[in-house]
Amino acid sequence: MRVTEQLPTLGAGLQFALSSGMTAEALVQLMEEMVDIKIHLLAQSSMKLSPEVARLLHDKRDTDRQRLEQIRTEMIRILKG
């Protein structure tokens, strides 16, 4: 299963993983999600878009950046144990 297919359920799955002591798996999931978001951001930055789509992607980029910050925070918390 691709990371993008897991995004809607990643939060709940991650909570279960952390409560079950599967921090290695949770860390890998976070890394996969981070790479997926960064690839999407890179692809979007090189596209020529209509003004409507550009506005939608601008909002998505803001959300993606917030999620990246959440992922970094969670990864730090996992690594610090």
C-alpha atoms as a PDB file:
ATOM      1  CA  MET A   1       0.000   0.000   0.000  1.00  0.00           C
ATOM      2  CA  ARG A   2       1.283   3.459  -0.908  1.00  0.00           C
ATOM      3  CA  VAL A   3       1.845   6.097   1.746  1.00  0.00           C
ATOM      4  CA  THR A   4      -0.717   8.393   0.116  1.00  0.00           C
ATOM      5  CA  GLU A   5      -3.363   5.711   0.568  1.00  0.00           C
ATOM      6  CA  GLN A   6      -2.571   5.553   4.295  1.00  0.00           C
ATOM      7  CA  LEU A   7      -2.824   9.291   4.978  1.00  0.00           C
ATOM      8  CA  PRO A   8      -6.460   9.410   6.109  1.00  0.00           C
ATOM      9  CA  THR A   9      -5.883   6.690   8.725  1.00  0.00           C
ATOM     10  CA  LEU A  10      -2.266   7.403   9.616  1.00  0.00           C
ATOM     11  CA  GLY A  11      -3.117   9.380  12.757  1.00  0.00           C
ATOM     12  CA  ALA A  12      -5.145   6.599  14.375  1.00  0.00           C
ATOM     13  CA  GLY A  13      -2.696   3.955  13.213  1.00  0.00           C
ATOM     14  CA  LEU A  14       0.191   5.940  14.596  1.00  0.00           C
ATOM     15  CA  GLN A  15      -1.520   6.296  17.974  1.00  0.00           C
ATOM     16  CA  PHE A  16      -1.990   2.516  18.092  1.00  0.00           C
ATOM     17  CA  ALA A  17       1.604   1.929  17.040  1.00  0.00           C
ATOM     18  CA  LEU A  18       2.953   4.197  19.745  1.00  0.00           C
ATOM     19  CA  SER A  19       0.738   2.735  22.449  1.00  0.00           C
ATOM     20  CA  SER A  20       1.804  -0.760  21.397  1.00  0.00           C
ATOM     21  CA  GLY A  21       5.481   0.071  21.676  1.00  0.00           C
ATOM     22  CA  MET A  22       6.089  -0.122  17.911  1.00  0.00           C
ATOM     23  CA  THR A  23       8.091   3.089  17.714  1.00  0.00           C
ATOM     24  CA  ALA A  24      10.341   1.807  14.920  1.00  0.00           C
ATOM     25  CA  GLU A  25       7.327   1.162  12.704  1.00  0.00           C
ATOM     26  CA  ALA A  26       5.803   4.512  13.657  1.00  0.00           C
ATOM     27  CA  LEU A  27       9.047   6.282  12.828  1.00  0.00           C
ATOM     28  CA  VAL A  28       9.186   4.617   9.420  1.00  0.00           C
ATOM     29  CA  GLN A  29       5.561   5.613   8.734  1.00  0.00           C
ATOM     30  CA  LEU A  30       6.356   9.207   9.641  1.00  0.00           C
ATOM     31  CA  MET A  31       9.413   9.209   7.396  1.00  0.00           C
ATOM     32  CA  GLU A  32       7.399   7.787   4.499  1.00  0.00           C
ATOM     33  CA  GLU A  33       4.702  10.411   4.980  1.00  0.00           C
ATOM     34  CA  MET A  34       7.320  13.170   5.142  1.00  0.00           C
ATOM     35  CA  VAL A  35       8.977  12.018   1.908  1.00  0.00           C
ATOM     36  CA  ASP A  36       5.586  11.734   0.211  1.00  0.00           C
ATOM     37  CA  ILE A  37       4.629  15.296   1.203  1.00  0.00           C
ATOM     38  CA  LYS A  38       7.988  16.672   0.086  1.00  0.00           C
ATOM     39  CA  ILE A  39       7.699  14.946  -3.303  1.00  0.00           C
ATOM     40  CA  HIS A  40       4.219  16.402  -3.758  1.00  0.00           C
ATOM     41  CA  LEU A  41       5.479  19.888  -2.839  1.00  0.00           C
ATOM     42  CA  LEU A  42       8.356  19.601  -5.302  1.00  0.00           C
ATOM     43  CA  ALA A  43       6.077  18.413  -8.099  1.00  0.00           C
ATOM     44  CA  GLN A  44       3.589  21.208  -7.426  1.00  0.00           C
ATOM     45  CA  SER A  45       6.305  23.866  -7.462  1.00  0.00           C
ATOM     46  CA  SER A  46       7.283  23.017 -11.030  1.00  0.00           C
ATOM     47  CA  MET A  47       3.741  22.945 -12.465  1.00  0.00           C
ATOM     48  CA  LYS A  48       2.083  25.726 -14.447  1.00  0.00           C
ATOM     49  CA  LEU A  49      -1.423  26.024 -13.051  1.00  0.00           C
ATOM     50  CA  SER A  50      -4.601  27.943 -13.565  1.00  0.00           C
ATOM     51  CA  PRO A  51      -5.311  30.623 -10.930  1.00  0.00           C
ATOM     52  CA  GLU A  52      -8.045  28.499  -9.314  1.00  0.00           C
ATOM     53  CA  VAL A  53      -5.831  25.450  -8.953  1.00  0.00           C
ATOM     54  CA  ALA A  54      -2.931  27.620  -7.782  1.00  0.00           C
ATOM     55  CA  ARG A  55      -5.090  28.971  -4.926  1.00  0.00           C
ATOM     56  CA  LEU A  56      -6.129  25.466  -3.890  1.00  0.00           C
ATOM     57  CA  LEU A  57      -2.544  24.239  -3.946  1.00  0.00           C
ATOM     58  CA  HIS A  58      -1.405  27.262  -1.952  1.00  0.00           C
ATOM     59  CA  ASP A  59      -3.796  26.246   0.841  1.00  0.00           C
ATOM     60  CA  LYS A  60      -2.645  22.633   0.538  1.00  0.00           C
ATOM     61  CA  ARG A  61       1.002  23.709   0.791  1.00  0.00           C
ATOM     62  CA  ASP A  62       0.252  25.528   4.037  1.00  0.00           C
ATOM     63  CA  THR A  63      -1.438  22.418   5.408  1.00  0.00           C
ATOM     64  CA  ASP A  64       1.452  20.246   4.198  1.00  0.00           C
ATOM     65  CA  ARG A  65       4.002  22.488   5.906  1.00  0.00           C
ATOM     66  CA  GLN A  66       2.052  22.279   9.154  1.00  0.00           C
ATOM     67  CA  ARG A  67       1.921  18.483   8.852  1.00  0.00           C
ATOM     68  CA  LEU A  68       5.679  18.371   8.183  1.00  0.00           C
ATOM     69  CA  GLU A  69       6.259  20.307  11.393  1.00  0.00           C
ATOM     70  CA  GLN A  70       3.994  17.869  13.281  1.00  0.00           C
ATOM     71  CA  ILE A  71       5.920  14.931  11.808  1.00  0.00           C
ATOM     72  CA  ARG A  72       9.262  16.440  12.834  1.00  0.00           C
ATOM     73  CA  THR A  73       7.976  16.996  16.369  1.00  0.00           C
ATOM     74  CA  GLU A  74       6.655  13.429  16.597  1.00  0.00           C
ATOM     75  CA  MET A  75       9.895  11.972  15.229  1.00  0.00           C
ATOM     76  CA  ILE A  76      11.921  13.918  17.789  1.00  0.00           C
ATOM     77  CA  ARG A  77       9.627  12.691  20.568  1.00  0.00           C
ATOM     78  CA  ILE A  78      10.033   9.075  19.406  1.00  0.00           C
ATOM     79  CA  LEU A  79      13.809   9.332  19.132  1.00  0.00           C
ATOM     80  CA  LYS A  80      14.156  10.924  22.549  1.00  0.00           C
ATOM     81  CA  GLY A  81      12.091   8.039  23.917  1.00  0.00           C
END
